[in-house]
Amino acid sequence: MAASFFLYAASGMLAPPWGVAVLLLVWLVLLLVCFAWWTPHPQRLPWVGLLSVVLWFAALNAGGAFLGWTA
C-alpha cells in the first residue's frame, strides 16, 4: 500500500484535481481494509496491495479513454 500511494499521489500529472481526490479516497479505503484485516486475515494483505495498483492503472486508463484525461 505504501508503494501504491506514490502512484495515486502523482496522478495529478494525468488526472484533474477531482480525479486525484477520488483516487486518494479509494486508496484510503483500501488502506483501512488492510488495517481491518491485519490480524484476522494477514494472507490477504498482499492481494489488496496488488489490487490497489490494478485499480489505479484501470482508473487512469478509463479516465483517459472516456473522460479525456491527458498529460
Protein backbone atom coordinates (compact mmCIF):
# COMPACT_ATOMS: atom_id res chain seq x y z
CA MET A 1 0.00 0.00 0.00
CA ALA A 2 2.88 2.35 0.69
CA ALA A 3 4.31 1.76 -2.76
CA SER A 4 0.97 2.32 -4.47
CA PHE A 5 0.42 5.59 -2.57
CA PHE A 6 3.03 7.28 -4.74
CA LEU A 7 1.17 6.21 -7.87
CA TYR A 8 -2.08 7.65 -6.54
CA ALA A 9 -0.47 10.87 -5.29
CA ALA A 10 1.35 11.50 -8.58
CA SER A 11 -1.79 11.01 -10.65
CA GLY A 12 -2.18 14.76 -10.89
CA MET A 13 0.04 14.65 -13.95
CA LEU A 14 -2.79 12.93 -15.85
CA ALA A 15 -5.96 13.36 -13.83
CA PRO A 16 -7.77 16.55 -12.83
CA PRO A 17 -7.81 17.53 -9.14
CA TRP A 18 -11.22 15.96 -8.52
CA GLY A 19 -9.96 12.72 -10.08
CA VAL A 20 -6.92 12.68 -7.83
CA ALA A 21 -9.17 13.28 -4.81
CA VAL A 22 -11.36 10.32 -5.78
CA LEU A 23 -8.31 8.13 -6.37
CA LEU A 24 -6.84 9.05 -2.99
CA LEU A 25 -10.17 8.30 -1.34
CA VAL A 26 -10.15 4.84 -2.96
CA TRP A 27 -6.60 4.31 -1.74
CA LEU A 28 -7.61 5.34 1.79
CA VAL A 29 -10.49 2.85 1.78
CA LEU A 30 -8.11 0.08 0.68
CA LEU A 31 -5.68 1.09 3.44
CA LEU A 32 -8.47 0.87 6.01
CA VAL A 33 -9.31 -2.61 4.69
CA CYS A 34 -5.66 -3.55 5.26
CA PHE A 35 -5.84 -2.24 8.82
CA ALA A 36 -9.01 -4.24 9.48
CA TRP A 37 -7.54 -7.43 8.03
CA TRP A 38 -4.10 -7.07 9.65
CA THR A 39 -4.66 -9.71 12.34
CA PRO A 40 -7.61 -11.84 11.17
CA HIS A 41 -6.54 -12.25 7.51
CA PRO A 42 -2.86 -11.33 7.03
CA GLN A 43 -2.54 -13.53 3.93
CA ARG A 44 -4.95 -11.23 2.05
CA LEU A 45 -2.89 -8.06 2.51
CA PRO A 46 -0.54 -8.53 -0.48
CA TRP A 47 -3.58 -9.05 -2.69
CA VAL A 48 -5.09 -5.77 -1.52
CA GLY A 49 -1.82 -4.03 -2.40
CA LEU A 50 -1.84 -5.63 -5.83
CA LEU A 51 -5.49 -4.69 -6.28
CA SER A 52 -4.65 -1.07 -5.49
CA VAL A 53 -2.10 -0.94 -8.32
CA VAL A 54 -4.50 -2.62 -10.76
CA LEU A 55 -7.31 -0.23 -9.80
CA TRP A 56 -5.03 2.77 -10.27
CA PHE A 57 -3.97 1.57 -13.71
CA ALA A 58 -7.56 0.84 -14.75
CA ALA A 59 -8.84 4.18 -13.42
CA LEU A 60 -6.23 6.24 -15.26
CA ASN A 61 -6.76 4.33 -18.49
CA ALA A 62 -10.54 4.67 -18.21
CA GLY A 63 -10.18 8.37 -17.40
CA GLY A 64 -8.00 8.86 -20.45
CA ALA A 65 -10.32 6.90 -22.72
CA PHE A 66 -13.71 8.16 -21.54
CA LEU A 67 -13.05 11.48 -19.80
CA GLY A 68 -10.22 12.84 -21.91
CA TRP A 69 -7.56 12.96 -19.21
CA THR A 70 -4.26 13.78 -20.88
CA ALA A 71 -0.79 14.76 -19.78
